[in-house]
Structure formats: structure tokens, C-alpha cells
Protein backbone atom coordinates (compact mmCIF):
# COMPACT_ATOMS: atom_id res chain seq x y z
CA MET A 1 0.09 -0.13 -0.01
CA LEU A 2 2.94 2.49 0.94
CA ILE A 3 4.78 1.76 -2.42
CA PHE A 4 1.30 2.34 -4.25
CA LEU A 5 1.03 5.64 -2.34
CA GLU A 6 4.48 6.93 -3.13
CA THR A 7 4.20 5.88 -6.90
CA PHE A 8 0.97 7.94 -7.13
CA PHE A 9 2.70 10.75 -5.47
CA CYS A 10 5.46 10.73 -7.79
CA PHE A 11 3.17 10.69 -10.72
CA VAL A 12 1.18 13.47 -9.61
CA PHE A 13 4.05 15.78 -8.08
CA GLU A 14 7.57 16.12 -9.21
CA PRO A 15 9.46 14.86 -6.12
CA LYS A 16 12.75 16.82 -5.13
CA CYS A 17 15.71 15.90 -2.96
CA PRO A 18 14.99 17.46 0.47
CA ILE A 19 18.67 18.77 0.59
CA CYS A 20 19.44 20.44 -2.80
CA GLN A 21 15.88 20.45 -4.49
CA SER A 22 16.96 18.58 -7.58
CA PRO A 23 14.39 16.62 -9.18
CA VAL A 24 14.33 13.02 -8.17
CA SER A 25 12.57 9.67 -9.40
CA ALA A 26 11.20 8.92 -5.97
CA MET A 27 10.79 10.20 -2.40
CA SER A 28 14.63 9.94 -1.67
CA LEU A 29 17.74 12.01 -1.86
CA CYS A 30 19.42 12.64 -5.16
CA PHE A 31 22.62 10.60 -5.99
CA LYS A 32 25.07 13.67 -5.39
CA CYS A 33 23.63 14.30 -1.85
CA THR A 34 23.48 10.56 -0.83
CA GLN A 35 27.15 10.09 -1.94
CA GLN A 36 28.03 13.20 0.26
CA ILE A 37 26.11 11.96 3.15
CA LYS A 38 27.80 8.33 2.98
CA MET A 39 31.48 10.00 3.27
CA PRO A 40 33.07 7.42 5.73
CA SER A 41 34.43 8.53 8.91
CA LEU A 42 37.94 7.11 8.61
CA LYS A 43 39.48 8.09 12.05
CA HIS A 44 37.75 6.65 15.08
CA GLU A 45 38.32 7.09 18.73
CA SER A 46 39.32 4.26 21.19
CA TRP A 47 35.67 3.72 22.45
CA VAL A 48 33.59 5.60 19.94
CA TYR A 49 32.82 4.70 16.52
CA SER A 50 31.23 7.04 14.04
CA SER A 51 30.17 5.80 10.73
CA TYR A 52 30.25 8.89 8.52
CA VAL A 53 31.40 12.46 8.24
CA PHE A 54 29.21 15.18 9.33
CA SER A 55 29.04 16.79 5.92
CA GLU A 56 26.94 19.77 4.71
CA PRO A 57 24.16 17.58 3.21
CA ALA A 58 23.99 15.59 6.46
CA LYS A 59 23.74 18.74 8.66
CA ASN A 60 20.97 19.97 6.39
CA LEU A 61 19.16 16.49 6.58
CA LEU A 62 19.41 16.42 10.43
CA HIS A 63 18.41 19.78 10.98
CA SER A 64 15.32 19.58 8.82
CA ILE A 65 14.23 16.38 10.83
CA LYS A 66 15.22 17.72 14.44
CA TYR A 67 13.96 21.40 14.12
CA GLU A 68 11.71 21.58 11.30
CA ARG A 69 9.64 18.36 12.19
CA HIS A 70 10.24 16.43 8.97
CA PHE A 71 9.84 13.44 10.60
CA GLU A 72 9.14 11.46 7.55
CA ARG A 73 12.75 11.90 6.56
CA LEU A 74 13.87 9.81 9.36
CA ARG A 75 13.68 6.83 6.95
CA LEU A 76 16.20 8.25 4.74
CA LEU A 77 18.71 7.42 7.54
CA ARG A 78 17.77 3.68 7.40
CA PRO A 79 20.21 2.74 4.63
CA LEU A 80 23.12 4.35 6.66
CA LEU A 81 22.45 1.99 9.65
CA THR A 82 23.69 -0.93 7.79
CA THR A 83 27.31 -0.17 8.23
CA PRO A 84 29.15 -2.66 10.55
CA LEU A 85 30.30 -1.41 13.65
CA ALA A 86 33.95 -1.29 14.29
CA PHE A 87 33.72 -3.35 17.73
CA LYS A 88 32.11 -6.58 18.33
CA MET A 89 28.79 -6.31 20.19
CA SER A 90 27.65 -9.66 21.87
CA ALA A 91 23.79 -10.37 22.76
CA PRO A 92 24.09 -9.02 26.42
CA THR A 93 25.25 -5.67 25.07
CA VAL A 94 22.44 -3.08 25.64
CA LEU A 95 21.68 -0.22 23.39
CA ILE A 96 21.10 3.11 25.37
CA PRO A 97 20.32 6.28 23.48
CA VAL A 98 21.73 9.75 24.89
CA PRO A 99 18.52 11.12 26.36
CA LEU A 100 17.16 14.81 26.03
CA SER A 101 15.82 16.64 29.02
CA PRO A 102 11.91 16.55 29.25
CA LEU A 103 11.68 20.23 28.11
CA ARG A 104 13.85 19.60 25.05
CA PHE A 105 11.80 16.53 24.30
CA TYR A 106 8.66 18.45 24.41
CA GLU A 107 9.82 21.12 22.13
CA ARG A 108 11.33 18.76 19.48
CA GLY A 109 8.54 16.01 19.69
CA PHE A 110 11.19 13.17 19.52
CA ASN A 111 14.61 11.97 20.55
CA GLN A 112 16.61 11.17 17.32
CA SER A 113 19.18 9.11 19.28
CA GLU A 114 16.18 6.95 20.68
CA TRP A 115 14.99 6.45 17.09
CA LEU A 116 18.57 5.55 15.87
CA ALA A 117 18.92 3.02 18.98
CA LYS A 118 15.53 1.26 18.13
CA GLU A 119 16.42 0.95 14.48
CA MET A 120 19.83 -0.52 15.52
CA GLY A 121 18.18 -2.97 17.93
CA LYS A 122 16.11 -4.28 15.26
CA ASN A 123 18.90 -4.82 12.96
CA LEU A 124 21.41 -6.28 15.53
CA HIS A 125 18.84 -8.09 17.63
CA LEU A 126 19.84 -6.17 20.80
CA LYS A 127 17.98 -4.70 23.56
CA VAL A 128 17.27 -1.06 23.68
CA GLU A 129 16.81 0.71 27.10
CA THR A 130 15.19 3.95 27.00
CA LYS A 131 14.29 4.61 30.61
CA GLY A 132 17.68 3.94 32.39
CA LEU A 133 19.64 6.85 31.60
CA ILE A 134 17.87 10.03 32.46
CA LYS A 135 18.88 13.92 31.70
CA ASN A 136 17.50 15.59 34.80
CA LYS A 137 19.02 18.85 34.13
CA GLU A 138 18.17 21.73 31.41
CA THR A 139 21.26 22.74 29.69
CA ARG A 140 22.28 25.02 27.03
CA ALA A 141 22.64 23.87 23.47
CA GLN A 142 26.21 22.30 23.18
CA SER A 143 26.61 23.79 19.83
CA THR A 144 26.32 27.45 21.09
CA LEU A 145 29.01 27.08 23.65
CA SER A 146 32.75 27.41 23.57
CA ARG A 147 34.66 24.17 23.92
CA GLN A 148 35.69 25.40 27.47
CA ASP A 149 32.25 25.89 28.59
CA ARG A 150 30.65 22.58 27.19
CA LYS A 151 31.92 20.37 29.90
CA SER A 152 30.70 22.59 32.70
CA ASN A 153 27.32 22.88 31.07
CA LEU A 154 26.93 19.15 31.36
CA ASP A 155 28.04 18.81 34.99
CA GLN A 156 25.38 16.37 36.90
CA ALA A 157 22.97 16.57 33.90
CA PHE A 158 22.74 12.80 33.52
CA GLN A 159 21.68 10.25 36.11
CA TRP A 160 20.91 6.27 36.17
CA ASN A 161 17.34 5.46 37.03
CA ALA A 162 17.62 3.09 40.05
CA THR A 163 14.19 1.61 39.13
CA CYS A 164 16.16 -0.05 36.12
CA SER A 165 18.39 -2.98 36.32
CA THR A 166 21.87 -2.05 35.24
CA PRO A 167 23.54 -3.57 32.28
CA GLU A 168 26.94 -4.94 32.38
CA SER A 169 27.66 -3.93 28.69
CA VAL A 170 26.40 -0.76 27.12
CA CYS A 171 26.61 0.92 23.61
CA LEU A 172 25.72 4.66 23.87
CA VAL A 173 23.83 5.87 20.68
CA ASP A 174 23.89 9.29 19.34
CA ASP A 175 23.49 11.13 15.96
CA VAL A 176 26.88 13.39 15.95
CA LEU A 177 29.89 13.41 17.85
CA THR A 178 31.47 16.80 18.10
CA THR A 179 33.87 17.51 21.09
CA GLY A 180 32.46 14.26 22.81
CA ASN A 181 31.63 15.86 26.10
CA THR A 182 28.23 14.53 26.10
CA MET A 183 29.35 11.05 25.45
CA GLU A 184 31.81 11.19 28.23
CA THR A 185 29.46 12.59 30.54
CA CYS A 186 26.99 9.70 29.90
CA ARG A 187 29.88 7.09 30.14
CA ASN A 188 31.03 8.39 33.43
CA CYS A 189 27.29 8.21 34.82
CA LEU A 190 27.04 4.60 33.56
CA TYR A 191 30.19 3.58 35.26
CA GLU A 192 29.11 5.02 38.50
CA ALA A 193 25.88 3.11 38.23
CA GLY A 194 27.89 -0.05 37.93
CA VAL A 195 28.08 -0.77 34.14
CA ARG A 196 31.31 -2.58 33.54
CA GLU A 197 31.92 -1.95 29.83
CA VAL A 198 30.83 1.08 27.80
CA PHE A 199 31.15 1.62 23.69
CA GLY A 200 29.89 4.42 21.86
CA TRP A 201 28.40 4.89 18.34
CA THR A 202 27.35 8.03 16.49
CA LEU A 203 25.84 8.17 13.15
CA PHE A 204 28.02 11.15 12.20
CA LYS A 205 31.36 12.82 13.18
CA ALA A 206 31.99 16.38 12.89
CA THR A 207 35.46 17.04 11.25
CA THR A 208 36.43 19.57 13.71
CA SER A 209 35.97 17.02 16.65
CA VAL A 210 38.43 17.38 19.46
CA PHE A 211 36.97 14.26 21.43
CA HIS A 212 39.57 12.94 23.95
CA SER A 213 39.31 9.38 24.94
CA GLY A 214 40.77 9.28 28.32
């Protein structure tokens, strides 16, 4: 039924790439934007793996999803989730998305990291825990802060929900790795809660990333 509706839509309207507005034959990205979004991230940190470079088309696509409520474009990210992870995750590994604060979740309407974790959970047959890690502090957007202020902005921002059992192995999931402060803060919180092993995965990595793995 969905395929029929899309075929009908493409027949009546001229679909365009949501990034560059070039005509396309289906409701999808054009070839050029697809290739630019699929630029592999060749350098990985010791415990965090990022699949792709955060190119300009990738930035525009995520911005339209997160801030312009084009939730239908989330499915354009699905083909990017088939890339094998750089580390091996066994069945006991639990996927945990980086959480949003209640206010940010209300404003945005969804958590993109939670969507990514659930899609990965389906593909890898792994459990996804969305209630364990909580963001209990409203913080300023990391992208608006200087490198020095980003760490203090996240101080005491996350905690573990005591009503949830603590997994032994966790893979933190987020959309973009920039300085890595958010991932590090979440990892420290999980270690304090009793998690023994923490990996990290992000879909994109900013080329200006100054993440430290220590």
C-alpha cells in the first residue's frame, strides 16, 4: 500500500531532493547528496565509533528532521545504519540512546538518538533501554557554547534510573559526535551506576571533533 501511495505521489507531483531540491525519481535523496552523506568517517576514537563524516548535506538533513519536524525523513537514514560497527557487540550488550531533557523532548517532539537506537536494535537483535539513563538538568545547546564551557554545561546533567536494572555492557547511541563531552559525561554516569563496559556509536562525526578518549 505504501509503495502504491509513493508511486501515485511521484506521478502527480515532481519529487525533489530534500537537501538540494534537485528533481528525483522517488521520494529520496538525489545521487549527489547521497554520496556526500555517505562519506565514511575514517578516524575513530578508542571507544567511540562514528560511521560517517558530518558533511553539509548530512547537517541539512538532520536539521530538517530535528528542528523543522520533517519526521518522515527519518527513513532516509535507514540505509546508513547497515554499516558494520567497528567493535563487536555480543547479545548481552544493551543499546542506550543519549537522552534529552523533558523540556527539550517536549519542544522537539522526539529523540533522534532513541530512534537510531531502536532501528539498530532491530537490525542487530539487541535490547534497547530508553528509561535507564535520564537527563535531569536543562542545559544550553552544546553547539552554542565554547569548547571550554561545554563540559561545565553538562555537569550533573545525567543520572541512572534506580528502578532499572544495570546492564553489564552498554553501547551509547547518539546522532553526531563533536567534542565528545556529552558521550563522556554519559559514560561516566554509567560507570558510576555499575556498568562494566561502555562503547559509543554515532551516525556522524564532525570533522572538527576534538574528542578525547581518556
